[in-house]
Protein backbone atom coordinates (compact mmCIF):
# COMPACT_ATOMS: atom_id res chain seq x y z
CA UNK A 1 0.00 0.00 0.00
CA UNK A 2 1.17 3.53 -0.72
CA UNK A 3 2.09 5.77 2.20
CA UNK A 4 -0.59 8.22 3.38
CA UNK A 5 -0.88 11.54 1.56
CA UNK A 6 -1.10 13.49 4.83
CA UNK A 7 0.12 13.35 8.42
CA UNK A 8 -1.42 14.32 11.78
CA UNK A 9 -1.19 18.06 12.33
CA UNK A 10 -1.11 18.87 8.61
CA UNK A 11 -3.52 21.49 7.30
CA UNK A 12 -5.69 20.45 4.37
CA UNK A 13 -8.77 21.56 2.42
CA UNK A 14 -11.71 19.47 1.28
CA UNK A 15 -11.96 19.15 -2.52
CA UNK A 16 -14.97 16.78 -2.65
CA UNK A 17 -17.71 17.46 -0.11
CA UNK A 18 -20.37 15.16 -1.59
CA UNK A 19 -21.04 12.83 1.35
CA UNK A 20 -24.54 11.82 0.22
CA UNK A 21 -23.99 8.09 0.82
CA UNK A 22 -22.42 8.58 4.26
CA UNK A 23 -25.20 10.97 5.34
CA UNK A 24 -27.84 8.52 4.09
CA UNK A 25 -26.38 5.95 6.50
CA UNK A 26 -26.31 8.41 9.41
CA UNK A 27 -27.59 11.99 8.93
CA UNK A 28 -26.12 13.05 12.30
CA UNK A 29 -22.53 12.78 11.01
CA UNK A 30 -20.75 16.10 10.62
CA UNK A 31 -18.89 16.27 7.30
CA UNK A 32 -16.21 18.61 5.95
CA UNK A 33 -17.14 21.31 3.46
CA UNK A 34 -15.21 22.95 0.66
CA UNK A 35 -13.58 26.17 1.74
CA UNK A 36 -12.49 25.90 5.38
CA UNK A 37 -9.02 24.77 6.37
CA UNK A 38 -8.97 21.55 8.40
CA UNK A 39 -6.23 19.88 10.46
CA UNK A 40 -5.59 16.13 10.27
CA UNK A 41 -6.22 14.59 13.70
CA UNK A 42 -5.61 10.91 12.93
CA UNK A 43 -5.09 8.44 10.08
CA UNK A 44 -6.76 5.05 9.65
CA UNK A 45 -5.46 2.34 7.35
CA UNK A 46 -8.50 1.12 5.40
CA UNK A 47 -8.73 -1.52 2.69
CA UNK A 48 -8.89 1.29 0.08
CA UNK A 49 -6.26 3.76 1.31
CA UNK A 50 -6.32 6.00 4.35
CA UNK A 51 -9.19 7.59 6.21
CA UNK A 52 -8.79 10.83 8.14
CA UNK A 53 -10.37 12.33 11.19
CA UNK A 54 -10.15 16.09 11.59
CA UNK A 55 -9.45 18.29 14.60
CA UNK A 56 -12.35 20.57 13.67
CA UNK A 57 -14.93 17.77 13.35
CA UNK A 58 -15.66 15.23 16.09
CA UNK A 59 -18.06 12.40 15.29
CA UNK A 60 -16.96 10.13 18.17
CA UNK A 61 -20.37 10.14 19.88
CA UNK A 62 -22.54 9.97 16.77
CA UNK A 63 -22.73 6.17 16.56
CA UNK A 64 -21.93 4.63 19.97
CA UNK A 65 -20.25 1.24 19.67
CA UNK A 66 -18.88 1.98 16.19
CA UNK A 67 -15.60 3.60 15.14
CA UNK A 68 -15.70 7.33 14.51
CA UNK A 69 -16.59 8.26 10.93
CA UNK A 70 -13.50 9.10 8.88
CA UNK A 71 -13.09 10.63 5.45
CA UNK A 72 -11.02 9.19 2.60
CA UNK A 73 -7.79 11.07 1.94
CA UNK A 74 -8.63 11.42 -1.78
CA UNK A 75 -11.26 14.02 -0.84
CA UNK A 76 -8.59 16.46 0.37
CA UNK A 77 -5.63 18.50 -0.82
CA UNK A 78 -2.68 19.81 1.15
CA UNK A 79 -2.30 23.53 1.61
CA UNK A 80 0.69 24.85 -0.29
CA UNK A 81 3.62 26.02 1.80
CA UNK A 82 3.58 29.77 2.19
CA UNK A 83 6.68 31.74 3.03
CA UNK A 84 6.37 34.17 5.86
CA UNK A 85 7.16 37.68 4.70
CA UNK A 86 7.32 40.79 6.76
CA UNK A 87 5.03 43.62 5.70
CA UNK A 88 8.06 45.88 5.20
CA UNK A 89 9.66 43.37 2.79
CA UNK A 90 6.43 42.98 0.88
CA UNK A 91 5.95 46.75 0.53
CA UNK A 92 9.57 47.15 -0.50
CA UNK A 93 9.01 44.76 -3.40
CA UNK A 94 5.66 46.16 -4.58
CA UNK A 95 5.81 49.94 -4.05
CA UNK A 96 7.96 51.84 -6.57
CA UNK A 97 10.41 54.41 -5.25
CA UNK A 98 9.84 58.01 -6.29
CA UNK A 99 12.81 60.30 -6.19
């Protein structure tokens, strides 16, 4: 099996928020939506790849006696790395000097 795409603590975004089948099984499950940034809480090795639980969504008590609902890693994308820039450096690069 391939290694997981993500790791605990990594920030990701949902790219496929169609959970119709999952919600038909249990409408009380909270699911991720496109747009917000989520943080990987845990990974689960499944027979079809890896499932994720998210820090921002907790479904542990939704179905007592069953494992917490997880979401397949293929529904997510990693956030690109962003360099930290100081405001002064950014302004220096974008504002022309007038003499």
